[in-house]
Amino acid sequence: MNEEDDIERFEEQRELELYREYRDVVPMFRYVIETERRFYLANQVDLQTRDGGWVEVNLGDAWVWDMFRPARFVTSVRVMTRRDVNVEELRHDDDPTIAP
């Protein structure tokens, strides 16, 4: 085996670990947010349009999909972008506050 194989195997393992973590934590969150750079889960989302075509996204109680980040749970996130932002509300069948 060479170093490239080791690196590829390491990255595949980290990606699998990240997916498993995502699968375990997704029930804890209400929203899925996608930006051009990141994928987030959050319980609070505030999206505001700004001058010059900017969009400001503020997230509270969030989880960040990033396999190189040592701590993926964060209290708050602020994103400024001129690109698309996708916000989806998750439906949890056992959550009575979310109507079917």
C-alpha atoms as a PDB file:
ATOM      1  CA  MET A   1       0.000   0.000   0.000  1.00  0.00           C
ATOM      2  CA  ASN A   2       1.153   3.482  -0.678  1.00  0.00           C
ATOM      3  CA  GLU A   3       0.543   6.797   0.999  1.00  0.00           C
ATOM      4  CA  GLU A   4      -2.245   7.794  -1.431  1.00  0.00           C
ATOM      5  CA  ASP A   5      -4.204   4.650  -0.538  1.00  0.00           C
ATOM      6  CA  ASP A   6      -3.771   5.400   3.168  1.00  0.00           C
ATOM      7  CA  ILE A   7      -5.030   8.965   2.709  1.00  0.00           C
ATOM      8  CA  GLU A   8      -7.992   7.823   0.635  1.00  0.00           C
ATOM      9  CA  ARG A   9      -8.914   5.162   3.210  1.00  0.00           C
ATOM     10  CA  PHE A  10      -8.607   7.741   6.024  1.00  0.00           C
ATOM     11  CA  GLU A  11     -10.908  10.198   4.203  1.00  0.00           C
ATOM     12  CA  GLU A  12     -13.446   7.463   3.456  1.00  0.00           C
ATOM     13  CA  GLN A  13     -13.461   6.443   7.124  1.00  0.00           C
ATOM     14  CA  ARG A  14     -13.935  10.061   8.281  1.00  0.00           C
ATOM     15  CA  GLU A  15     -16.806  10.520   5.793  1.00  0.00           C
ATOM     16  CA  LEU A  16     -18.500   7.367   7.079  1.00  0.00           C
ATOM     17  CA  GLU A  17     -18.071   8.511  10.693  1.00  0.00           C
ATOM     18  CA  LEU A  18     -19.537  11.899   9.775  1.00  0.00           C
ATOM     19  CA  TYR A  19     -22.539  10.289   8.069  1.00  0.00           C
ATOM     20  CA  ARG A  20     -23.181   8.110  11.133  1.00  0.00           C
ATOM     21  CA  GLU A  21     -23.000  11.158  13.391  1.00  0.00           C
ATOM     22  CA  TYR A  22     -25.417  13.022  11.096  1.00  0.00           C
ATOM     23  CA  ARG A  23     -27.844  10.093  11.176  1.00  0.00           C
ATOM     24  CA  ASP A  24     -27.711  10.068  14.981  1.00  0.00           C
ATOM     25  CA  VAL A  25     -28.146  13.831  15.493  1.00  0.00           C
ATOM     26  CA  VAL A  26     -30.696  14.746  12.787  1.00  0.00           C
ATOM     27  CA  PRO A  27     -33.685  14.018  15.097  1.00  0.00           C
ATOM     28  CA  MET A  28     -32.397  16.751  17.441  1.00  0.00           C
ATOM     29  CA  PHE A  29     -32.850  19.507  14.842  1.00  0.00           C
ATOM     30  CA  ARG A  30     -35.720  21.266  13.128  1.00  0.00           C
ATOM     31  CA  TYR A  31     -34.104  22.676   9.967  1.00  0.00           C
ATOM     32  CA  VAL A  32     -31.662  21.628   7.251  1.00  0.00           C
ATOM     33  CA  ILE A  33     -29.732  24.518   5.709  1.00  0.00           C
ATOM     34  CA  GLU A  34     -27.553  24.284   2.617  1.00  0.00           C
ATOM     35  CA  THR A  35     -25.226  27.016   1.408  1.00  0.00           C
ATOM     36  CA  GLU A  36     -22.620  26.924  -1.350  1.00  0.00           C
ATOM     37  CA  ARG A  37     -19.951  26.044   1.219  1.00  0.00           C
ATOM     38  CA  ARG A  38     -21.598  24.096   4.028  1.00  0.00           C
ATOM     39  CA  PHE A  39     -24.475  21.923   5.142  1.00  0.00           C
ATOM     40  CA  TYR A  40     -26.044  22.634   8.550  1.00  0.00           C
ATOM     41  CA  LEU A  41     -28.691  21.344  10.896  1.00  0.00           C
ATOM     42  CA  ALA A  42     -30.208  23.958  13.207  1.00  0.00           C
ATOM     43  CA  ASN A  43     -33.109  24.691  15.529  1.00  0.00           C
ATOM     44  CA  GLN A  44     -33.313  28.430  14.752  1.00  0.00           C
ATOM     45  CA  VAL A  45     -32.913  30.090  11.361  1.00  0.00           C
ATOM     46  CA  ASP A  46     -33.094  33.789  10.516  1.00  0.00           C
ATOM     47  CA  LEU A  47     -32.630  34.670   6.837  1.00  0.00           C
ATOM     48  CA  GLN A  48     -32.334  38.338   5.831  1.00  0.00           C
ATOM     49  CA  THR A  49     -31.671  39.967   2.460  1.00  0.00           C
ATOM     50  CA  ARG A  50     -29.106  42.778   2.497  1.00  0.00           C
ATOM     51  CA  ASP A  51     -28.028  45.510   0.080  1.00  0.00           C
ATOM     52  CA  GLY A  52     -25.940  44.498  -2.904  1.00  0.00           C
ATOM     53  CA  GLY A  53     -27.512  41.074  -3.302  1.00  0.00           C
ATOM     54  CA  TRP A  54     -26.179  39.731  -0.020  1.00  0.00           C
ATOM     55  CA  VAL A  55     -28.058  37.200   2.079  1.00  0.00           C
ATOM     56  CA  GLU A  56     -27.377  36.941   5.806  1.00  0.00           C
ATOM     57  CA  VAL A  57     -28.201  33.653   7.509  1.00  0.00           C
ATOM     58  CA  ASN A  58     -28.068  33.373  11.302  1.00  0.00           C
ATOM     59  CA  LEU A  59     -28.405  29.926  12.838  1.00  0.00           C
ATOM     60  CA  GLY A  60     -28.878  29.009  16.466  1.00  0.00           C
ATOM     61  CA  ASP A  61     -28.194  25.666  18.110  1.00  0.00           C
ATOM     62  CA  ALA A  62     -26.519  24.175  15.045  1.00  0.00           C
ATOM     63  CA  TRP A  63     -24.511  21.227  13.772  1.00  0.00           C
ATOM     64  CA  VAL A  64     -22.057  21.632  10.866  1.00  0.00           C
ATOM     65  CA  TRP A  65     -21.287  18.956   8.264  1.00  0.00           C
ATOM     66  CA  ASP A  66     -17.496  19.212   8.117  1.00  0.00           C
ATOM     67  CA  MET A  67     -15.299  16.172   8.599  1.00  0.00           C
ATOM     68  CA  PHE A  68     -12.244  18.262   9.472  1.00  0.00           C
ATOM     69  CA  ARG A  69     -13.943  20.330  12.202  1.00  0.00           C
ATOM     70  CA  PRO A  70     -13.105  19.048  15.710  1.00  0.00           C
ATOM     71  CA  ALA A  71     -16.396  20.327  17.197  1.00  0.00           C
ATOM     72  CA  ARG A  72     -19.447  20.211  14.940  1.00  0.00           C
ATOM     73  CA  PHE A  73     -22.008  21.398  17.518  1.00  0.00           C
ATOM     74  CA  VAL A  74     -22.047  25.201  17.661  1.00  0.00           C
ATOM     75  CA  THR A  75     -24.165  27.747  19.519  1.00  0.00           C
ATOM     76  CA  SER A  76     -24.477  30.181  16.632  1.00  0.00           C
ATOM     77  CA  VAL A  77     -23.452  30.551  13.008  1.00  0.00           C
ATOM     78  CA  ARG A  78     -23.517  33.615  10.755  1.00  0.00           C
ATOM     79  CA  VAL A  79     -23.233  33.152   7.007  1.00  0.00           C
ATOM     80  CA  MET A  80     -22.983  35.967   4.456  1.00  0.00           C
ATOM     81  CA  THR A  81     -23.421  34.932   0.831  1.00  0.00           C
ATOM     82  CA  ARG A  82     -24.551  36.097  -2.562  1.00  0.00           C
ATOM     83  CA  ARG A  83     -25.462  32.579  -3.586  1.00  0.00           C
ATOM     84  CA  ASP A  84     -28.502  30.410  -3.044  1.00  0.00           C
ATOM     85  CA  VAL A  85     -29.438  29.291   0.448  1.00  0.00           C
ATOM     86  CA  ASN A  86     -31.802  26.365   0.869  1.00  0.00           C
ATOM     87  CA  VAL A  87     -33.743  26.040   4.139  1.00  0.00           C
ATOM     88  CA  GLU A  88     -35.981  23.045   4.746  1.00  0.00           C
ATOM     89  CA  GLU A  89     -38.024  22.244   7.824  1.00  0.00           C
ATOM     90  CA  LEU A  90     -37.638  18.663   8.952  1.00  0.00           C
ATOM     91  CA  ARG A  91     -40.654  16.616   9.873  1.00  0.00           C
ATOM     92  CA  HIS A  92     -40.323  14.322  12.831  1.00  0.00           C
ATOM     93  CA  ASP A  93     -43.227  11.909  13.120  1.00  0.00           C
ATOM     94  CA  ASP A  94     -42.972  11.850  16.912  1.00  0.00           C
ATOM     95  CA  ASP A  95     -42.972  15.671  17.271  1.00  0.00           C
ATOM     96  CA  PRO A  96     -46.507  16.936  18.009  1.00  0.00           C
ATOM     97  CA  THR A  97     -45.474  20.579  17.352  1.00  0.00           C
ATOM     98  CA  ILE A  98     -44.910  19.865  13.645  1.00  0.00           C
ATOM     99  CA  ALA A  99     -48.190  19.318  11.813  1.00  0.00           C
ATOM    100  CA  PRO A 100     -48.380  16.545   9.200  1.00  0.00           C
END
